[in-house]
């Protein structure tokens, strides 16, 4: 079992009338501006992540980024932009395991900390969904301003 498989998968998509080439160019521009690392790029698919060398950023800036994602450009009558992003839960599982062991060995009151971690993870899931929606909106909003020129 690979530890990197401990992640949740989410997908959002949006249709646009814009040319896929323009959307692809703007996507690359937005990802680079946000300091994502593009790991793979084809005409229909861009894979990116938030890894790489450590950067000095405010905690909020780093925490608000998607961990890893795949942006697909599907050319149909209405072009569709689909963002698949992943949220890792391996650290929350490790922390919960430690808390359960401590609760067994010392005090059941440690379970309160476990509940706090679960709530925090739920908030992280909501934040990541918001970030994914914002990324697509920025790509398509910027494209609309290019289209109006």
N, C-alpha and C. Protein backbone atom coordinates (compact mmCIF):
# COMPACT_ATOMS: atom_id res chain seq x y z
N UNK A 1 0.85 -1.17 0.00
CA UNK A 1 0.00 0.00 0.00
C UNK A 1 0.90 1.24 0.00
N UNK A 2 0.66 2.11 -0.96
CA UNK A 2 1.45 3.33 -1.10
C UNK A 2 0.85 4.43 -0.24
N UNK A 3 1.68 5.09 0.56
CA UNK A 3 1.21 6.16 1.45
C UNK A 3 0.66 7.35 0.67
N UNK A 4 1.12 7.53 -0.58
CA UNK A 4 0.63 8.65 -1.39
C UNK A 4 -0.78 8.43 -1.91
N UNK A 5 -1.32 7.22 -1.73
CA UNK A 5 -2.69 6.95 -2.15
C UNK A 5 -3.72 7.41 -1.13
N UNK A 6 -3.28 7.90 0.03
CA UNK A 6 -4.19 8.39 1.05
C UNK A 6 -4.61 9.81 0.73
N UNK A 7 -5.47 9.95 -0.25
CA UNK A 7 -5.94 11.28 -0.63
C UNK A 7 -7.34 11.19 -1.21
N UNK A 8 -8.08 12.26 -1.01
CA UNK A 8 -9.44 12.35 -1.53
C UNK A 8 -9.40 13.04 -2.88
N UNK A 9 -10.28 12.63 -3.78
CA UNK A 9 -10.31 13.18 -5.13
C UNK A 9 -11.61 13.95 -5.32
N UNK A 10 -11.47 15.17 -5.83
CA UNK A 10 -12.63 16.02 -6.12
C UNK A 10 -12.52 16.55 -7.54
N UNK A 11 -13.67 16.78 -8.17
CA UNK A 11 -13.68 17.32 -9.53
C UNK A 11 -14.71 18.45 -9.62
N UNK A 12 -14.32 19.50 -10.32
CA UNK A 12 -15.26 20.56 -10.67
C UNK A 12 -15.02 20.90 -12.14
N UNK A 13 -16.07 21.35 -12.81
CA UNK A 13 -15.91 21.70 -14.22
C UNK A 13 -16.78 22.90 -14.54
N UNK A 14 -16.38 23.56 -15.62
CA UNK A 14 -17.12 24.72 -16.08
C UNK A 14 -17.00 24.81 -17.59
N UNK A 15 -18.08 25.21 -18.23
CA UNK A 15 -18.08 25.37 -19.69
C UNK A 15 -17.72 26.80 -20.05
N UNK A 16 -17.13 26.95 -21.23
CA UNK A 16 -16.75 28.26 -21.72
C UNK A 16 -16.80 28.27 -23.24
N UNK A 17 -16.99 29.45 -23.81
CA UNK A 17 -16.98 29.59 -25.27
C UNK A 17 -15.58 29.92 -25.78
N UNK A 18 -14.64 30.05 -24.89
CA UNK A 18 -13.30 30.47 -25.27
C UNK A 18 -12.52 29.34 -25.94
N UNK A 19 -11.58 29.72 -26.76
CA UNK A 19 -10.72 28.78 -27.46
C UNK A 19 -9.83 28.02 -26.46
N UNK A 20 -9.73 26.71 -26.58
CA UNK A 20 -8.90 25.93 -25.64
C UNK A 20 -7.44 26.39 -25.58
N UNK A 21 -6.88 26.86 -26.69
CA UNK A 21 -5.50 27.34 -26.66
C UNK A 21 -5.34 28.56 -25.76
N UNK A 22 -6.29 29.46 -25.83
CA UNK A 22 -6.24 30.65 -24.97
C UNK A 22 -6.41 30.24 -23.51
N UNK A 23 -7.34 29.33 -23.24
CA UNK A 23 -7.55 28.86 -21.87
C UNK A 23 -6.29 28.18 -21.35
N UNK A 24 -5.63 27.38 -22.19
CA UNK A 24 -4.40 26.69 -21.79
C UNK A 24 -3.30 27.70 -21.45
N UNK A 25 -3.14 28.71 -22.29
CA UNK A 25 -2.11 29.73 -22.04
C UNK A 25 -2.37 30.47 -20.73
N UNK A 26 -3.63 30.83 -20.51
CA UNK A 26 -3.96 31.55 -19.28
C UNK A 26 -3.82 30.65 -18.06
N UNK A 27 -4.14 29.38 -18.22
CA UNK A 27 -3.99 28.43 -17.11
C UNK A 27 -2.53 28.34 -16.69
N UNK A 28 -1.65 28.20 -17.66
CA UNK A 28 -0.21 28.12 -17.36
C UNK A 28 0.24 29.40 -16.69
N UNK A 29 -0.22 30.53 -17.18
CA UNK A 29 0.15 31.82 -16.60
C UNK A 29 -0.32 31.92 -15.15
N UNK A 30 -1.57 31.54 -14.89
CA UNK A 30 -2.10 31.61 -13.52
C UNK A 30 -1.36 30.66 -12.58
N UNK A 31 -1.07 29.45 -13.06
CA UNK A 31 -0.36 28.49 -12.21
C UNK A 31 1.04 28.99 -11.88
N UNK A 32 1.72 29.55 -12.85
CA UNK A 32 3.06 30.08 -12.59
C UNK A 32 3.01 31.29 -11.67
N UNK A 33 2.01 32.13 -11.85
CA UNK A 33 1.87 33.30 -10.98
C UNK A 33 1.64 32.89 -9.53
N UNK A 34 0.88 31.81 -9.34
CA UNK A 34 0.61 31.30 -8.00
C UNK A 34 1.73 30.40 -7.48
N UNK A 35 2.81 30.27 -8.26
CA UNK A 35 4.00 29.49 -7.90
C UNK A 35 3.72 27.99 -7.74
N UNK A 36 2.81 27.48 -8.58
CA UNK A 36 2.63 26.04 -8.66
C UNK A 36 3.70 25.48 -9.58
N UNK A 37 4.03 24.22 -9.40
CA UNK A 37 4.98 23.53 -10.26
C UNK A 37 4.18 22.72 -11.27
N UNK A 38 4.38 22.98 -12.56
CA UNK A 38 3.71 22.21 -13.60
C UNK A 38 4.55 20.96 -13.84
N UNK A 39 3.95 19.81 -13.56
CA UNK A 39 4.70 18.55 -13.64
C UNK A 39 4.53 17.85 -14.98
N UNK A 40 3.41 18.12 -15.67
CA UNK A 40 3.18 17.49 -16.97
C UNK A 40 2.23 18.40 -17.75
N UNK A 41 2.50 18.49 -19.05
CA UNK A 41 1.68 19.38 -19.87
C UNK A 41 1.50 18.80 -21.26
N UNK A 42 0.24 18.69 -21.68
CA UNK A 42 -0.08 18.31 -23.05
C UNK A 42 -1.10 19.34 -23.57
N UNK A 43 -1.59 19.13 -24.79
CA UNK A 43 -2.58 20.05 -25.33
C UNK A 43 -3.90 20.01 -24.57
N UNK A 44 -4.25 18.86 -24.01
CA UNK A 44 -5.53 18.71 -23.33
C UNK A 44 -5.44 18.65 -21.82
N UNK A 45 -4.23 18.57 -21.26
CA UNK A 45 -4.10 18.29 -19.83
C UNK A 45 -2.88 18.97 -19.23
N UNK A 46 -3.07 19.56 -18.06
CA UNK A 46 -1.97 20.19 -17.32
C UNK A 46 -2.02 19.63 -15.90
N UNK A 47 -0.93 18.99 -15.47
CA UNK A 47 -0.83 18.46 -14.13
C UNK A 47 0.09 19.37 -13.33
N UNK A 48 -0.33 19.71 -12.11
CA UNK A 48 0.45 20.63 -11.29
C UNK A 48 0.42 20.21 -9.83
N UNK A 49 1.37 20.73 -9.06
CA UNK A 49 1.36 20.50 -7.62
C UNK A 49 1.97 21.70 -6.90
N UNK A 50 1.92 21.62 -5.60
CA UNK A 50 2.42 22.70 -4.75
C UNK A 50 3.69 22.26 -4.03
N UNK A 51 4.47 21.42 -4.67
CA UNK A 51 5.70 20.95 -4.04
C UNK A 51 6.88 21.66 -4.66
N UNK A 52 8.03 21.18 -4.38
CA UNK A 52 9.22 21.82 -4.92
C UNK A 52 10.05 22.39 -3.78
N UNK A 53 11.02 23.23 -4.12
CA UNK A 53 11.86 23.79 -3.07
C UNK A 53 11.05 24.66 -2.12
N UNK A 54 11.44 24.66 -0.84
CA UNK A 54 10.70 25.48 0.12
C UNK A 54 10.76 26.96 -0.25
N UNK A 55 9.63 27.62 -0.07
CA UNK A 55 9.57 29.05 -0.33
C UNK A 55 9.16 29.74 0.97
N UNK A 56 9.67 30.92 1.16
CA UNK A 56 9.29 31.70 2.34
C UNK A 56 8.01 32.46 2.00
N UNK A 57 6.90 31.97 2.56
CA UNK A 57 5.60 32.58 2.33
C UNK A 57 4.91 32.69 3.68
N UNK A 58 3.93 33.54 3.71
CA UNK A 58 3.10 33.58 4.90
C UNK A 58 2.37 32.25 5.01
N UNK A 59 2.09 31.81 6.20
CA UNK A 59 1.42 30.53 6.43
C UNK A 59 0.10 30.45 5.66
N UNK A 60 -0.67 31.52 5.67
CA UNK A 60 -1.95 31.52 4.99
C UNK A 60 -1.83 31.35 3.50
N UNK A 61 -0.78 31.93 2.90
CA UNK A 61 -0.61 31.83 1.45
C UNK A 61 -0.34 30.39 1.03
N UNK A 62 0.50 29.71 1.78
CA UNK A 62 0.82 28.33 1.44
C UNK A 62 -0.35 27.39 1.74
N UNK A 63 -1.03 27.64 2.84
CA UNK A 63 -2.14 26.77 3.24
C UNK A 63 -3.33 26.91 2.32
N UNK A 64 -3.44 28.04 1.64
CA UNK A 64 -4.61 28.25 0.80
C UNK A 64 -4.45 27.65 -0.59
N UNK A 65 -3.32 27.08 -0.90
CA UNK A 65 -3.10 26.50 -2.23
C UNK A 65 -3.59 25.06 -2.31
N UNK A 66 -3.94 24.67 -3.52
CA UNK A 66 -4.27 23.27 -3.77
C UNK A 66 -2.99 22.45 -3.65
N UNK A 67 -3.10 21.23 -3.16
CA UNK A 67 -1.91 20.40 -3.00
C UNK A 67 -1.43 19.86 -4.34
N UNK A 68 -2.35 19.32 -5.11
CA UNK A 68 -2.03 18.79 -6.43
C UNK A 68 -3.30 18.75 -7.26
N UNK A 69 -3.14 18.86 -8.58
CA UNK A 69 -4.33 18.87 -9.41
C UNK A 69 -4.05 18.58 -10.87
N UNK A 70 -5.11 18.31 -11.59
CA UNK A 70 -5.06 18.05 -13.03
C UNK A 70 -6.13 18.92 -13.67
N UNK A 71 -5.74 19.76 -14.60
CA UNK A 71 -6.69 20.59 -15.31
C UNK A 71 -6.80 20.07 -16.73
N UNK A 72 -8.01 19.68 -17.12
CA UNK A 72 -8.24 19.11 -18.45
C UNK A 72 -9.07 20.08 -19.27
N UNK A 73 -8.68 20.24 -20.53
CA UNK A 73 -9.38 21.11 -21.46
C UNK A 73 -10.05 20.22 -22.50
N UNK A 74 -11.36 20.19 -22.49
CA UNK A 74 -12.09 19.33 -23.40
C UNK A 74 -12.76 20.19 -24.47
N UNK A 75 -12.31 20.01 -25.71
CA UNK A 75 -12.85 20.78 -26.83
C UNK A 75 -14.09 20.09 -27.37
N UNK A 76 -15.23 20.68 -27.11
CA UNK A 76 -16.51 20.20 -27.63
C UNK A 76 -17.26 21.42 -28.15
N UNK A 77 -18.58 21.29 -28.35
CA UNK A 77 -19.35 22.46 -28.78
C UNK A 77 -19.20 23.59 -27.78
N UNK A 78 -19.35 23.26 -26.51
CA UNK A 78 -19.04 24.19 -25.44
C UNK A 78 -17.79 23.64 -24.77
N UNK A 79 -16.69 24.33 -24.90
CA UNK A 79 -15.44 23.86 -24.31
C UNK A 79 -15.60 23.75 -22.80
N UNK A 80 -15.08 22.68 -22.26
CA UNK A 80 -15.20 22.43 -20.83
C UNK A 80 -13.82 22.42 -20.18
N UNK A 81 -13.72 23.10 -19.06
CA UNK A 81 -12.50 23.08 -18.25
C UNK A 81 -12.83 22.26 -17.01
N UNK A 82 -12.11 21.16 -16.80
CA UNK A 82 -12.34 20.29 -15.64
C UNK A 82 -11.10 20.29 -14.77
N UNK A 83 -11.29 20.61 -13.50
CA UNK A 83 -10.20 20.59 -12.54
C UNK A 83 -10.42 19.45 -11.57
N UNK A 84 -9.47 18.53 -11.55
CA UNK A 84 -9.48 17.44 -10.58
C UNK A 84 -8.38 17.75 -9.58
N UNK A 85 -8.75 17.81 -8.30
CA UNK A 85 -7.73 18.12 -7.29
C UNK A 85 -7.81 17.08 -6.17
N UNK A 86 -6.72 16.95 -5.47
CA UNK A 86 -6.59 15.91 -4.46
C UNK A 86 -6.23 16.55 -3.12
N UNK A 87 -6.80 15.99 -2.05
CA UNK A 87 -6.51 16.45 -0.70
C UNK A 87 -6.00 15.24 0.08
N UNK A 88 -4.78 15.34 0.57
CA UNK A 88 -4.16 14.24 1.30
C UNK A 88 -4.71 14.16 2.73
N UNK A 89 -4.96 12.96 3.19
CA UNK A 89 -5.39 12.78 4.58
C UNK A 89 -4.44 11.86 5.36
N UNK A 90 -3.23 11.65 4.84
CA UNK A 90 -2.31 10.75 5.53
C UNK A 90 -1.84 11.33 6.87
N UNK A 91 -1.67 12.65 6.97
CA UNK A 91 -1.20 13.24 8.22
C UNK A 91 -2.30 13.25 9.27
N UNK A 92 -3.53 13.46 8.85
CA UNK A 92 -4.63 13.44 9.81
C UNK A 92 -4.82 12.02 10.36
N UNK A 93 -4.62 11.00 9.51
CA UNK A 93 -4.71 9.62 9.99
C UNK A 93 -3.61 9.31 11.00
N UNK A 94 -2.41 9.77 10.72
CA UNK A 94 -1.30 9.56 11.65
C UNK A 94 -1.58 10.25 12.98
N UNK A 95 -2.03 11.49 12.93
CA UNK A 95 -2.32 12.24 14.15
C UNK A 95 -3.44 11.57 14.94
N UNK A 96 -4.48 11.10 14.26
CA UNK A 96 -5.58 10.43 14.96
C UNK A 96 -5.13 9.12 15.59
N UNK A 97 -4.24 8.40 14.93
CA UNK A 97 -3.70 7.16 15.50
C UNK A 97 -2.93 7.45 16.78
N UNK A 98 -2.11 8.49 16.76
CA UNK A 98 -1.34 8.87 17.96
C UNK A 98 -2.29 9.29 19.07
N UNK A 99 -3.32 10.05 18.73
CA UNK A 99 -4.29 10.50 19.74
C UNK A 99 -5.03 9.30 20.35
N UNK A 100 -5.40 8.33 19.53
CA UNK A 100 -6.08 7.14 20.06
C UNK A 100 -5.18 6.36 21.01
N UNK A 101 -3.92 6.24 20.66
CA UNK A 101 -2.97 5.55 21.54
C UNK A 101 -2.82 6.30 22.85
N UNK A 102 -2.68 7.63 22.77
CA UNK A 102 -2.56 8.43 23.99
C UNK A 102 -3.84 8.38 24.82
N UNK A 103 -4.99 8.36 24.17
CA UNK A 103 -6.26 8.27 24.90
C UNK A 103 -6.37 6.93 25.62
N UNK A 104 -5.90 5.87 24.99
CA UNK A 104 -5.92 4.55 25.61
C UNK A 104 -4.95 4.47 26.79
N UNK A 105 -3.75 5.04 26.61
CA UNK A 105 -2.73 4.95 27.65
C UNK A 105 -2.95 5.92 28.80
N UNK A 106 -3.45 7.11 28.51
CA UNK A 106 -3.50 8.15 29.54
C UNK A 106 -4.91 8.57 29.92
N UNK A 107 -5.62 9.18 28.99
CA UNK A 107 -6.92 9.72 29.35
C UNK A 107 -7.81 9.82 28.11
N UNK A 108 -9.07 9.53 28.34
CA UNK A 108 -10.05 9.60 27.26
C UNK A 108 -10.25 11.06 26.83
N UNK A 109 -9.88 12.00 27.65
CA UNK A 109 -10.02 13.42 27.32
C UNK A 109 -9.23 13.78 26.07
N UNK A 110 -8.24 12.97 25.71
CA UNK A 110 -7.46 13.19 24.49
C UNK A 110 -8.34 13.09 23.24
N UNK A 111 -9.47 12.42 23.34
CA UNK A 111 -10.37 12.30 22.20
C UNK A 111 -10.94 13.65 21.78
N UNK A 112 -10.96 14.61 22.69
CA UNK A 112 -11.39 15.97 22.34
C UNK A 112 -10.44 16.55 21.29
N UNK A 113 -9.15 16.28 21.45
CA UNK A 113 -8.17 16.74 20.46
C UNK A 113 -8.43 16.06 19.11
N UNK A 114 -8.80 14.79 19.14
CA UNK A 114 -9.14 14.09 17.90
C UNK A 114 -10.34 14.71 17.21
N UNK A 115 -11.36 15.08 17.98
CA UNK A 115 -12.53 15.74 17.40
C UNK A 115 -12.14 17.09 16.80
N UNK A 116 -11.26 17.80 17.47
CA UNK A 116 -10.77 19.08 16.95
C UNK A 116 -10.05 18.88 15.61
N UNK A 117 -9.23 17.84 15.49
CA UNK A 117 -8.53 17.56 14.24
C UNK A 117 -9.50 17.22 13.11
N UNK A 118 -10.54 16.49 13.42
CA UNK A 118 -11.53 16.13 12.40
C UNK A 118 -12.26 17.38 11.91
N UNK A 119 -12.62 18.27 12.83
CA UNK A 119 -13.28 19.52 12.45
C UNK A 119 -12.35 20.37 11.59
N UNK A 120 -11.09 20.44 11.98
CA UNK A 120 -10.10 21.20 11.22
C UNK A 120 -9.94 20.63 9.81
N UNK A 121 -9.95 19.32 9.69
CA UNK A 121 -9.84 18.70 8.36
C UNK A 121 -11.06 19.01 7.51
N UNK A 122 -12.23 19.03 8.12
CA UNK A 122 -13.44 19.41 7.40
C UNK A 122 -13.36 20.83 6.86
N UNK A 123 -12.83 21.73 7.67
CA UNK A 123 -12.64 23.12 7.24
C UNK A 123 -11.65 23.17 6.08
N UNK A 124 -10.60 22.36 6.14
CA UNK A 124 -9.61 22.30 5.06
C UNK A 124 -10.25 21.83 3.75
N UNK A 125 -11.15 20.87 3.83
CA UNK A 125 -11.84 20.39 2.62
C UNK A 125 -12.67 21.51 1.99
N UNK A 126 -13.36 22.27 2.81
CA UNK A 126 -14.18 23.38 2.31
C UNK A 126 -13.27 24.44 1.69
N UNK A 127 -12.14 24.73 2.34
CA UNK A 127 -11.20 25.72 1.83
C UNK A 127 -10.61 25.30 0.48
N UNK A 128 -10.27 24.02 0.35
CA UNK A 128 -9.70 23.54 -0.91
C UNK A 128 -10.72 23.63 -2.05
N UNK A 129 -11.99 23.33 -1.74
CA UNK A 129 -13.03 23.45 -2.77
C UNK A 129 -13.16 24.90 -3.22
N UNK A 130 -13.13 25.80 -2.28
CA UNK A 130 -13.22 27.22 -2.60
C UNK A 130 -12.03 27.66 -3.45
N UNK A 131 -10.84 27.18 -3.12
CA UNK A 131 -9.64 27.53 -3.88
C UNK A 131 -9.70 26.99 -5.31
N UNK A 132 -10.23 25.79 -5.48
CA UNK A 132 -10.35 25.22 -6.82
C UNK A 132 -11.34 26.02 -7.66
N UNK A 133 -12.47 26.38 -7.06
CA UNK A 133 -13.46 27.19 -7.79
C UNK A 133 -12.88 28.56 -8.14
N UNK A 134 -12.11 29.12 -7.22
CA UNK A 134 -11.50 30.43 -7.47
C UNK A 134 -10.46 30.36 -8.59
N UNK A 135 -9.69 29.28 -8.65
CA UNK A 135 -8.70 29.12 -9.70
C UNK A 135 -9.36 29.08 -11.08
N UNK A 136 -10.41 28.29 -11.22
CA UNK A 136 -11.11 28.23 -12.51
C UNK A 136 -11.74 29.58 -12.85
N UNK A 137 -12.30 30.24 -11.86
CA UNK A 137 -12.93 31.54 -12.10
C UNK A 137 -11.89 32.57 -12.56
N UNK A 138 -10.71 32.55 -11.94
CA UNK A 138 -9.65 33.49 -12.35
C UNK A 138 -9.19 33.21 -13.77
N UNK A 139 -9.07 31.95 -14.12
CA UNK A 139 -8.64 31.60 -15.48
C UNK A 139 -9.66 32.08 -16.49
N UNK A 140 -10.92 31.81 -16.23
CA UNK A 140 -11.95 32.17 -17.20
C UNK A 140 -12.28 33.66 -17.16
N UNK A 141 -12.15 34.30 -16.00
CA UNK A 141 -12.39 35.74 -15.91
C UNK A 141 -11.32 36.49 -16.68
N UNK A 142 -10.09 36.09 -16.49
CA UNK A 142 -9.00 36.73 -17.21
C UNK A 142 -9.16 36.51 -18.70
N UNK A 143 -9.66 35.33 -19.08
CA UNK A 143 -9.88 35.05 -20.49
C UNK A 143 -10.99 35.92 -21.05
N UNK A 144 -12.00 36.19 -20.25
CA UNK A 144 -13.08 37.06 -20.73
C UNK A 144 -12.57 38.46 -20.99
N UNK A 145 -11.62 38.92 -20.19
CA UNK A 145 -11.06 40.25 -20.44
C UNK A 145 -10.20 40.24 -21.70
N UNK A 146 -9.54 39.13 -22.00
CA UNK A 146 -8.76 39.02 -23.24
C UNK A 146 -9.72 38.98 -24.43
N UNK A 147 -10.84 38.25 -24.27
CA UNK A 147 -11.80 38.13 -25.36
C UNK A 147 -12.43 39.49 -25.69
N UNK A 148 -12.57 40.38 -24.70
CA UNK A 148 -13.21 41.68 -24.92
C UNK A 148 -12.28 42.69 -25.56
N UNK A 149 -11.00 42.40 -25.70
CA UNK A 149 -10.05 43.35 -26.29
C UNK A 149 -10.26 43.53 -27.76
